[in-house]
Amino acid sequence: MIIAFCLFKYFPFGGLQRDFMRVARTIAARGHQVRVYAQSWEGECPAEFELILLPVKSRTNHGRNAEYYAQVQAHLKAHPVARVVGFNKMPGLDVYYAADVCYAEKVAKEKGFFYRLTSRYKHFAAFERATFEKGAKTQLLMLTDRQIADFQKHYHTEPARFHILPPGIYPDRKYDQQIPDSRRIYREKNGIALDAFFILQVGSDFSRKGVDRTIEAMAALPVEQRNRSVLLVVGQDKPGRFAALAEKRGIGKQVQFFKGRNDVAELMAAADVLMHPAYQEAAGIVLLEALTAGLPVITTDVCGYAPHIARSGAGVVIPEPYNQQTLNATLAACHAGQLKEWGALARHYADREDLYSLPEKAADIILGGTHG
């Protein structure tokens, strides 16, 4: 079969993009042809993929997405496929992989009347409605129960169309794949002292992931703890205003930003704690990557995967409504004994839970002929 995958942009360090790559490669490994439609592609494309880049000229995101969709439809009409799988919402999908939150719920909570009059709103609302409305044929690959509740609230989607997937952590991220003495070796490699309090944050879109909250919490640490703290932020975004905030809070020299790195597994082996105090996060695969690496996690309750942190006992979930002082106190309470206990609980959870089989389960549903 030829399976078409649609995603607006591919870059190597996004959670959605990594999930797409694993699912598509799993399907290719089962002997099917993979065709990918994208507006842009960064990094290498696997030789077994047929990549079709679609030129979009609009100045707005929603304008580019509408152009992209029209071109995908035209190409599919001329070159039909067995399945169309979307990693972004759009009409006409056989399968949608729900890596994002419910747009209708987000608008209801955060936006006013006039926002609903904009062309941006009308575009995104229409594309989401076409994917989730009652009577649509699209099968829905979901990451969390919380997502399902939001979509059903707004669209009354038939329950049978939802398929909850297990997480999809790369097995090579697991703590038992780390080299002996990895903490010391990777700290030396990155110029981080062995006695430093090494805080790590990983995720593109710094505003949404709460990098400002992490900086504020680090700046509020007791003097001795703050002076030996180091924060590395890895993700696709412009660090300008966050670097300025760190400077303003007196910790500018202790905070470093990286656009993307291939050695995140090494950084997780070297770090003391992963911070992910997001404002909004459908799932948050990085939380589970940290757990499987044996790295304690401090996150917020809005994250779809936050219940894994609570169930494992390998860190702290900051409740809603969010309070910065609670995050500050939680980070300040991180001492060697506590971190060691959390790390042991993380490793135990990684051994007993299925945090790995997402690509296989997703491929089963995509290829299973349960559509329309």
Protein backbone atom coordinates (compact mmCIF):
# COMPACT_ATOMS: atom_id res chain seq x y z
CA MET A 1 0.00 0.00 0.00
CA ILE A 2 0.98 3.64 -0.43
CA ILE A 3 0.48 5.57 2.82
CA ALA A 4 0.55 9.37 2.65
CA PHE A 5 1.66 11.37 5.68
CA CYS A 6 0.80 15.07 5.99
CA LEU A 7 2.64 17.41 8.32
CA PHE A 8 3.21 21.12 7.89
CA LYS A 9 6.87 21.23 8.97
CA TYR A 10 9.53 18.66 9.79
CA PHE A 11 12.54 19.43 11.98
CA PRO A 12 14.52 16.81 13.91
CA PHE A 13 13.89 18.03 17.47
CA GLY A 14 10.09 18.38 17.72
CA GLY A 15 8.06 15.80 19.67
CA LEU A 16 5.38 15.56 16.95
CA GLN A 17 8.08 15.24 14.30
CA ARG A 18 9.91 12.48 16.18
CA ASP A 19 6.66 10.54 16.59
CA PHE A 20 5.88 10.97 12.88
CA MET A 21 9.33 9.66 11.93
CA ARG A 22 9.00 6.53 14.05
CA VAL A 23 5.47 5.72 12.85
CA ALA A 24 6.35 6.30 9.19
CA ARG A 25 9.53 4.22 9.44
CA THR A 26 7.61 1.40 11.14
CA ILE A 27 5.13 1.36 8.25
CA ALA A 28 7.95 1.45 5.67
CA ALA A 29 9.66 -1.45 7.49
CA ARG A 30 6.47 -3.49 7.03
CA GLY A 31 6.88 -3.21 3.27
CA HIS A 32 4.58 -0.28 2.47
CA GLN A 33 5.43 2.84 0.48
CA VAL A 34 5.59 6.08 2.48
CA ARG A 35 4.84 9.40 0.83
CA VAL A 36 5.30 12.60 2.87
CA TYR A 37 3.75 15.99 2.09
CA ALA A 38 5.45 18.89 3.90
CA GLN A 39 5.82 22.68 3.59
CA SER A 40 9.42 22.48 4.82
CA TRP A 41 11.92 19.81 5.87
CA GLU A 42 15.05 20.25 7.99
CA GLY A 43 17.66 17.52 8.28
CA GLU A 44 17.98 14.23 6.42
CA CYS A 45 15.01 12.45 4.89
CA PRO A 46 15.09 8.63 4.95
CA ALA A 47 15.81 7.21 1.50
CA GLU A 48 12.72 4.99 1.69
CA PHE A 49 10.38 8.03 1.91
CA GLU A 50 8.98 9.84 -1.12
CA LEU A 51 9.17 13.46 0.06
CA ILE A 52 6.97 16.03 -1.67
CA LEU A 53 7.72 19.63 -0.64
CA LEU A 54 4.86 21.99 -1.40
CA PRO A 55 5.71 25.67 -1.99
CA VAL A 56 3.50 27.99 0.07
CA LYS A 57 3.68 31.75 -0.31
CA SER A 58 1.18 33.25 2.15
CA ARG A 59 2.53 35.51 4.90
CA THR A 60 0.32 33.99 7.60
CA ASN A 61 0.46 30.53 9.16
CA HIS A 62 -3.19 29.82 8.41
CA GLY A 63 -2.78 31.09 4.85
CA ARG A 64 0.20 28.80 4.28
CA ASN A 65 -1.71 25.86 5.78
CA ALA A 66 -4.70 26.47 3.49
CA GLU A 67 -2.41 26.63 0.43
CA TYR A 68 -0.65 23.45 1.55
CA TYR A 69 -3.97 21.62 2.00
CA ALA A 70 -5.20 22.61 -1.47
CA GLN A 71 -1.95 21.36 -3.04
CA VAL A 72 -2.09 18.07 -1.10
CA GLN A 73 -5.64 17.46 -2.32
CA ALA A 74 -4.69 18.19 -5.93
CA HIS A 75 -1.69 15.85 -5.78
CA LEU A 76 -3.67 13.05 -4.12
CA LYS A 77 -6.36 13.33 -6.80
CA ALA A 78 -3.72 12.73 -9.47
CA HIS A 79 -1.74 10.18 -7.42
CA PRO A 80 -4.14 8.27 -5.11
CA VAL A 81 -3.04 6.40 -1.99
CA ALA A 82 -4.54 3.77 0.32
CA ARG A 83 -4.48 5.93 3.47
CA VAL A 84 -3.97 9.61 4.31
CA VAL A 85 -2.49 10.17 7.77
CA GLY A 86 -2.31 13.69 9.22
CA PHE A 87 -0.01 14.91 11.96
CA ASN A 88 -1.77 18.29 11.70
CA LYS A 89 -5.56 18.75 11.58
CA MET A 90 -7.14 19.08 8.14
CA PRO A 91 -10.19 17.80 6.23
CA GLY A 92 -10.20 14.46 4.43
CA LEU A 93 -7.87 12.46 6.67
CA ASP A 94 -8.29 8.72 7.18
CA VAL A 95 -6.23 8.91 10.38
CA TYR A 96 -5.21 11.90 12.54
CA TYR A 97 -2.40 11.71 15.10
CA ALA A 98 -3.45 14.07 17.90
CA ALA A 99 -0.23 15.61 19.14
CA ASP A 100 -1.97 18.93 19.85
CA VAL A 101 -4.55 20.20 22.33
CA CYS A 102 -8.18 20.88 21.44
CA TYR A 103 -8.23 24.27 19.70
CA ALA A 104 -11.90 24.90 20.51
CA GLU A 105 -11.20 24.37 24.23
CA LYS A 106 -8.12 26.60 24.13
CA VAL A 107 -10.12 29.40 22.43
CA ALA A 108 -12.99 29.02 24.91
CA LYS A 109 -10.57 29.40 27.84
CA GLU A 110 -8.16 32.04 26.52
CA LYS A 111 -9.73 34.15 23.75
CA GLY A 112 -12.47 36.75 23.52
CA PHE A 113 -15.34 37.42 21.12
CA PHE A 114 -13.31 39.44 18.59
CA TYR A 115 -10.70 36.69 18.15
CA ARG A 116 -13.51 34.49 16.80
CA LEU A 117 -14.04 36.98 13.97
CA THR A 118 -10.49 36.60 12.63
CA SER A 119 -9.57 34.60 9.54
CA ARG A 120 -6.98 32.77 11.66
CA TYR A 121 -9.68 31.50 14.02
CA LYS A 122 -12.02 30.53 11.18
CA HIS A 123 -9.29 28.50 9.46
CA PHE A 124 -8.10 26.55 12.51
CA ALA A 125 -11.66 26.00 13.80
CA ALA A 126 -12.79 24.66 10.40
CA PHE A 127 -9.82 22.28 10.07
CA GLU A 128 -10.36 20.95 13.60
CA ARG A 129 -14.12 20.58 13.08
CA ALA A 130 -13.56 18.62 9.84
CA THR A 131 -11.32 16.21 11.75
CA PHE A 132 -13.44 15.66 14.88
CA GLU A 133 -17.08 16.41 14.02
CA LYS A 134 -19.70 13.71 14.43
CA GLY A 135 -20.07 11.70 11.24
CA ALA A 136 -16.52 12.30 9.98
CA LYS A 137 -14.61 9.15 8.96
CA THR A 138 -11.25 10.12 10.50
CA GLN A 139 -9.82 7.63 13.02
CA LEU A 140 -8.19 9.49 15.90
CA LEU A 141 -4.89 8.41 17.46
CA MET A 142 -4.85 9.98 20.93
CA LEU A 143 -2.12 10.33 23.53
CA THR A 144 -4.18 11.07 26.67
CA ASP A 145 -7.71 10.68 28.06
CA ARG A 146 -7.80 14.41 28.81
CA GLN A 147 -7.60 15.20 25.08
CA ILE A 148 -10.57 12.94 24.35
CA ALA A 149 -12.76 14.65 26.95
CA ASP A 150 -12.08 18.08 25.41
CA PHE A 151 -12.82 17.00 21.84
CA GLN A 152 -16.00 15.17 22.82
CA LYS A 153 -17.19 18.21 24.76
CA HIS A 154 -16.97 20.41 21.66
CA TYR A 155 -17.71 17.99 18.80
CA HIS A 156 -19.61 14.99 20.30
CA THR A 157 -17.18 12.73 18.46
CA GLU A 158 -18.13 9.04 18.39
CA PRO A 159 -16.15 7.17 21.10
CA ALA A 160 -15.32 4.29 18.70
CA ARG A 161 -13.17 6.64 16.57
CA PHE A 162 -10.73 7.33 19.41
CA HIS A 163 -7.70 5.06 19.88
CA ILE A 164 -5.46 5.71 22.90
CA LEU A 165 -1.81 4.99 22.12
CA PRO A 166 0.89 4.05 24.62
CA PRO A 167 3.86 6.44 24.66
CA GLY A 168 6.68 5.94 22.16
CA ILE A 169 10.02 6.43 23.86
CA TYR A 170 13.04 5.24 21.90
CA PRO A 171 14.39 2.16 23.74
CA ASP A 172 17.90 3.61 23.46
CA ARG A 173 16.81 6.45 25.81
CA LYS A 174 16.41 3.98 28.69
CA TYR A 175 18.71 4.27 31.70
CA ASP A 176 20.16 0.76 31.16
CA GLN A 177 21.54 1.90 27.78
CA GLN A 178 23.71 4.59 29.42
CA ILE A 179 27.45 4.04 29.58
CA PRO A 180 29.07 3.39 32.98
CA ASP A 181 29.84 6.59 34.92
CA SER A 182 27.76 8.56 32.41
CA ARG A 183 26.93 11.40 34.82
CA ARG A 184 30.59 12.32 35.34
CA ILE A 185 31.66 11.73 31.73
CA TYR A 186 28.89 13.82 30.17
CA ARG A 187 29.30 16.62 32.71
CA GLU A 188 33.00 16.83 31.91
CA LYS A 189 32.17 16.82 28.18
CA ASN A 190 29.83 19.81 28.68
CA GLY A 191 32.02 21.71 31.13
CA ILE A 192 29.61 21.21 34.05
CA ALA A 193 31.09 20.67 37.52
CA LEU A 194 30.34 17.36 39.24
CA ASP A 195 28.89 19.19 42.27
CA ALA A 196 26.80 21.64 40.16
CA PHE A 197 23.00 21.55 40.46
CA PHE A 198 22.31 20.80 36.79
CA ILE A 199 18.77 21.74 35.67
CA LEU A 200 17.68 20.70 32.17
CA GLN A 201 14.73 21.90 30.09
CA VAL A 202 13.98 20.41 26.66
CA GLY A 203 11.24 21.53 24.28
CA SER A 204 10.53 23.83 21.35
CA ASP A 205 8.33 26.93 21.84
CA PHE A 206 9.84 28.36 25.02
CA SER A 207 6.82 30.53 25.87
CA ARG A 208 4.41 27.58 25.90
CA LYS A 209 6.86 25.29 27.72
CA GLY A 210 7.33 27.72 30.61
CA VAL A 211 11.03 28.53 30.29
CA ASP A 212 10.31 31.85 32.04
CA ARG A 213 8.90 29.93 35.02
CA THR A 214 12.04 27.79 35.21
CA ILE A 215 14.29 30.87 35.15
CA GLU A 216 12.24 32.54 37.89
CA ALA A 217 12.43 29.39 40.05
CA MET A 218 16.20 29.09 39.57
CA ALA A 219 16.70 32.77 40.41
CA ALA A 220 14.66 32.29 43.62
CA LEU A 221 16.88 29.45 44.92
CA PRO A 222 18.76 30.01 48.21
CA VAL A 223 22.08 31.75 47.49
CA GLU A 224 24.37 28.71 47.92
CA GLN A 225 22.16 26.50 45.78
CA ARG A 226 21.65 29.20 43.15
CA ASN A 227 25.39 29.90 42.84
CA ARG A 228 26.14 26.28 41.91
CA SER A 229 23.15 25.92 39.57
CA VAL A 230 23.37 25.52 35.80
CA LEU A 231 20.39 25.57 33.43
CA LEU A 232 20.57 24.23 29.87
CA VAL A 233 17.54 24.95 27.66
CA VAL A 234 17.33 22.93 24.43
CA GLY A 235 14.68 23.62 21.80
CA GLN A 236 13.61 25.32 18.59
CA ASP A 237 12.90 28.97 19.45
CA LYS A 238 14.43 32.42 19.80
CA PRO A 239 16.00 32.73 23.25
CA GLY A 240 16.17 36.55 23.27
CA ARG A 241 13.63 37.55 25.91
CA PHE A 242 14.38 34.50 28.08
CA ALA A 243 18.12 35.21 28.04
CA ALA A 244 17.26 38.81 28.97
CA LEU A 245 15.11 37.61 31.87
CA ALA A 246 17.95 35.40 33.16
CA GLU A 247 20.31 38.39 32.92
CA LYS A 248 17.83 40.61 34.75
CA ARG A 249 17.50 38.01 37.54
CA GLY A 250 21.29 37.81 37.92
CA ILE A 251 21.78 34.30 36.53
CA GLY A 252 22.56 35.12 32.91
CA LYS A 253 25.97 33.43 32.97
CA GLN A 254 24.46 30.21 34.39
CA VAL A 255 21.80 29.75 31.68
CA GLN A 256 22.60 28.47 28.18
CA PHE A 257 20.26 28.05 25.19
CA PHE A 258 20.63 25.56 22.31
CA LYS A 259 18.51 25.41 19.17
CA GLY A 260 18.59 21.64 19.11
CA ARG A 261 21.04 18.92 20.08
CA ASN A 262 21.53 15.28 19.17
CA ASP A 263 22.90 14.43 22.60
CA VAL A 264 19.78 15.03 24.74
CA ALA A 265 20.06 11.46 26.09
CA GLU A 266 23.55 12.32 27.34
CA LEU A 267 22.31 15.54 28.95
CA MET A 268 19.55 13.57 30.71
CA ALA A 269 22.14 11.14 32.07
CA ALA A 270 24.16 14.09 33.42
CA ALA A 271 21.36 16.29 34.79
CA ASP A 272 19.85 16.40 38.31
CA VAL A 273 16.30 17.33 37.31
CA LEU A 274 14.18 18.00 34.22
CA MET A 275 12.01 21.12 34.46
CA HIS A 276 8.87 21.30 32.32
CA PRO A 277 6.48 23.83 33.91
CA ALA A 278 4.42 24.23 30.73
CA TYR A 279 1.50 26.60 30.27
CA GLN A 280 -0.05 24.19 27.75
CA GLU A 281 1.02 20.72 26.60
CA ALA A 282 -1.13 18.01 24.99
CA ALA A 283 1.22 15.23 26.11
CA GLY A 284 4.88 16.14 26.75
CA ILE A 285 6.94 13.19 25.53
CA VAL A 286 10.05 14.70 27.14
CA LEU A 287 8.58 13.92 30.59
CA LEU A 288 8.66 10.21 29.78
CA GLU A 289 12.06 10.41 28.09
CA ALA A 290 13.34 11.76 31.40
CA LEU A 291 11.60 9.03 33.41
CA THR A 292 13.07 6.26 31.27
CA ALA A 293 16.50 7.87 31.63
CA GLY A 294 16.10 7.80 35.43
CA LEU A 295 15.92 11.61 35.62
CA PRO A 296 13.53 13.24 38.15
CA VAL A 297 10.88 15.59 36.70
CA ILE A 298 9.15 18.75 37.91
CA THR A 299 6.20 19.61 35.68
CA THR A 300 2.73 21.17 35.65
CA ASP A 301 -0.66 19.49 35.81
CA VAL A 302 -1.68 20.81 32.36
CA CYS A 303 0.68 18.32 30.66
CA GLY A 304 -1.09 15.26 29.28
CA TYR A 305 1.67 12.94 30.49
CA ALA A 306 1.89 14.52 33.97
CA PRO A 307 -0.07 11.58 35.53
CA HIS A 308 2.93 9.35 34.75
CA ILE A 309 5.09 11.57 36.96
CA ALA A 310 2.50 11.43 39.75
CA ARG A 311 2.07 7.63 39.47
CA SER A 312 5.80 6.94 39.36
CA GLY A 313 6.59 9.19 42.34
CA ALA A 314 9.67 10.31 40.40
CA GLY A 315 9.18 14.05 40.84
CA VAL A 316 6.49 16.66 41.45
CA VAL A 317 3.44 17.81 39.49
CA ILE A 318 2.61 21.47 40.22
CA PRO A 319 -1.21 21.72 40.50
CA GLU A 320 -3.53 24.15 38.74
CA PRO A 321 -4.16 27.01 39.24
CA TYR A 322 -0.42 27.48 38.83
CA ASN A 323 1.54 29.27 41.54
CA GLN A 324 5.13 30.38 40.95
CA GLN A 325 5.99 30.20 44.65
CA THR A 326 5.02 26.51 44.65
CA LEU A 327 7.45 25.85 41.80
CA ASN A 328 10.17 27.89 43.51
CA ALA A 329 9.78 25.91 46.75
CA THR A 330 9.72 22.57 44.90
CA LEU A 331 12.97 23.30 43.07
CA ALA A 332 14.61 24.63 46.24
CA ALA A 333 13.68 21.39 48.08
CA CYS A 334 15.70 19.28 45.63
CA HIS A 335 18.58 17.84 47.64
CA ALA A 336 20.86 14.90 46.87
CA GLY A 337 18.87 12.33 48.86
CA GLN A 338 15.54 13.37 47.37
CA LEU A 339 16.91 13.33 43.81
CA LYS A 340 18.44 9.89 44.34
CA GLU A 341 15.11 8.50 45.58
CA TRP A 342 13.20 10.05 42.66
CA GLY A 343 15.76 8.63 40.20
CA ALA A 344 15.30 5.11 41.61
CA LEU A 345 11.50 5.44 41.31
CA ALA A 346 11.86 6.67 37.70
CA ARG A 347 13.97 3.63 36.76
CA HIS A 348 11.49 1.28 38.43
CA TYR A 349 8.61 2.85 36.46
CA ALA A 350 10.58 2.60 33.20
CA ASP A 351 11.01 -1.13 33.79
CA ARG A 352 7.38 -1.99 34.51
CA GLU A 353 5.32 0.32 32.23
CA ASP A 354 4.81 0.20 28.45
CA LEU A 355 6.35 3.54 27.49
CA TYR A 356 7.76 2.32 24.18
CA SER A 357 5.27 0.71 21.75
CA LEU A 358 3.50 3.77 20.21
CA PRO A 359 4.87 3.34 16.65
CA GLU A 360 3.86 -0.32 16.44
CA LYS A 361 0.34 0.32 17.80
CA ALA A 362 -0.13 3.37 15.54
CA ALA A 363 1.02 1.38 12.50
CA ASP A 364 -1.45 -1.42 13.37
CA ILE A 365 -4.37 1.05 13.37
CA ILE A 366 -3.24 2.90 10.23
CA LEU A 367 -2.84 -0.34 8.27
CA GLY A 368 -5.77 -2.13 9.87
CA GLY A 369 -8.45 -1.04 7.40
CA THR A 370 -10.76 0.34 10.08
CA HIS A 371 -11.42 3.55 8.18
CA GLY A 372 -14.63 4.91 6.77
